[in-house]
Structure formats: C-alpha cells, structure tokens
Amino acid sequence: MSITLELPQELANELSGEAGRLGLSLPDYVLRLLSVTKGGGEASKTGADVVAYWQNEGLIGYRSDITDSQKRSRQLRAQAENRVRE
C-alpha cells in the first residue's frame, strides 16, 4: 500500500534528520514510527516490553563511546553535585 502525505517543511526536516542520525531512509524511519504507535499508545506492561521498545528505537547501544557505565554514572553524579547555580 502506498500513501502520500504533505508534511510541513519543519516536520519533514526533523524527520529526515532523525532518520539520518539512525542510518535509516526517511520512508523506513516513518514506517518504524508508525509501527511503534499502531497499538494506540498503550503503556508497556513488562520490563521486556520496555527493552524491546528501546531496542526498536535504537536507544540500546547507541553510546558505544561509554565502555564503563558505572564509571560514567559516577562522573555524571560528581558533575551534578559540584555544579554552581546562578
């Protein structure tokens, strides 16, 4: 099935940028978005549902530069504890 949509330019640019960031074509990215939301936006029921959703969205493993997550967490906590508020 084929569908043609007229999108506002700002939305089209945003979708194209996100698709490129994920290494997907725009049609593939839009298909991914539609397949995730087809369930009517139901909340995940189990931890496995959440992990599957995160994997589908490309959120798991996208920060390959962080090799030690606990060390990174300690660094972020130290930065937050020592920040100066104006």
Protein backbone atom coordinates (compact mmCIF):
# COMPACT_ATOMS: atom_id res chain seq x y z
CA MET A 1 0.00 0.00 0.00
CA SER A 2 1.27 3.46 -0.82
CA ILE A 3 0.33 6.69 0.98
CA THR A 4 1.33 10.22 0.05
CA LEU A 5 1.45 12.90 2.75
CA GLU A 6 2.05 16.64 2.58
CA LEU A 7 4.17 17.49 5.62
CA PRO A 8 5.12 20.91 6.92
CA GLN A 9 8.73 21.60 5.89
CA GLU A 10 9.90 21.86 9.51
CA LEU A 11 8.49 18.41 10.34
CA ALA A 12 9.93 16.91 7.16
CA ASN A 13 13.37 18.31 8.04
CA GLU A 14 13.13 16.99 11.59
CA LEU A 15 12.10 13.51 10.42
CA SER A 16 14.84 13.45 7.77
CA GLY A 17 17.45 14.48 10.31
CA GLU A 18 16.41 11.82 12.79
CA ALA A 19 16.31 9.18 10.06
CA GLY A 20 19.83 10.13 9.00
CA ARG A 21 21.07 10.02 12.60
CA LEU A 22 19.75 6.46 12.88
CA GLY A 23 21.15 5.47 9.50
CA LEU A 24 17.69 4.90 8.00
CA SER A 25 15.98 6.20 4.91
CA LEU A 26 13.09 8.57 5.56
CA PRO A 27 10.45 6.01 4.45
CA ASP A 28 11.99 3.34 6.71
CA TYR A 29 12.07 5.73 9.66
CA VAL A 30 8.44 6.80 9.15
CA LEU A 31 7.42 3.14 8.86
CA ARG A 32 9.21 2.45 12.15
CA LEU A 33 7.39 5.33 13.83
CA LEU A 34 4.05 4.15 12.55
CA SER A 35 4.62 0.54 13.57
CA VAL A 36 5.55 1.60 17.12
CA THR A 37 2.44 3.73 17.55
CA LYS A 38 -0.06 1.40 15.89
CA GLY A 39 -1.04 -0.06 19.28
CA GLY A 40 -2.78 3.16 20.25
CA GLY A 41 -0.01 4.32 22.55
CA GLU A 42 -0.55 1.62 25.14
CA ALA A 43 1.88 1.64 28.04
CA SER A 44 4.42 -1.16 28.21
CA LYS A 45 3.35 -3.89 30.57
CA THR A 46 6.64 -5.61 31.39
CA GLY A 47 10.33 -4.84 31.53
CA ALA A 48 10.78 -6.98 28.43
CA ASP A 49 8.29 -4.71 26.60
CA VAL A 50 10.31 -1.66 27.58
CA VAL A 51 13.60 -3.23 26.48
CA ALA A 52 12.05 -4.31 23.17
CA TYR A 53 10.76 -0.77 22.64
CA TRP A 54 14.19 0.73 23.42
CA GLN A 55 15.86 -1.70 21.03
CA ASN A 56 13.34 -0.87 18.31
CA GLU A 57 14.02 2.85 18.81
CA GLY A 58 17.79 2.34 18.62
CA LEU A 59 18.35 3.52 22.19
CA ILE A 60 20.26 0.49 23.43
CA GLY A 61 23.92 0.57 22.50
CA TYR A 62 23.87 3.92 20.73
CA ARG A 63 26.55 5.32 23.07
CA SER A 64 29.34 2.94 22.16
CA ASP A 65 31.83 5.50 23.49
CA ILE A 66 30.74 4.63 27.06
CA THR A 67 32.53 1.40 27.91
CA ASP A 68 32.07 1.52 31.71
CA SER A 69 28.53 2.61 32.58
CA GLN A 70 29.12 2.69 36.33
CA LYS A 71 32.17 4.94 35.94
CA ARG A 72 30.16 7.22 33.65
CA SER A 73 27.33 7.36 36.22
CA ARG A 74 29.79 8.36 38.94
CA GLN A 75 31.20 11.11 36.71
CA LEU A 76 27.74 12.50 35.98
CA ARG A 77 26.81 12.43 39.67
CA ALA A 78 30.03 14.26 40.60
CA GLN A 79 29.34 16.92 37.95
CA ALA A 80 25.80 17.40 39.22
CA GLU A 81 26.88 17.63 42.85
CA ASN A 82 29.57 20.21 42.07
CA ARG A 83 27.74 22.45 39.63
CA VAL A 84 27.30 26.08 40.51
CA ARG A 85 23.80 27.51 40.22
CA GLU A 86 23.36 31.14 39.34
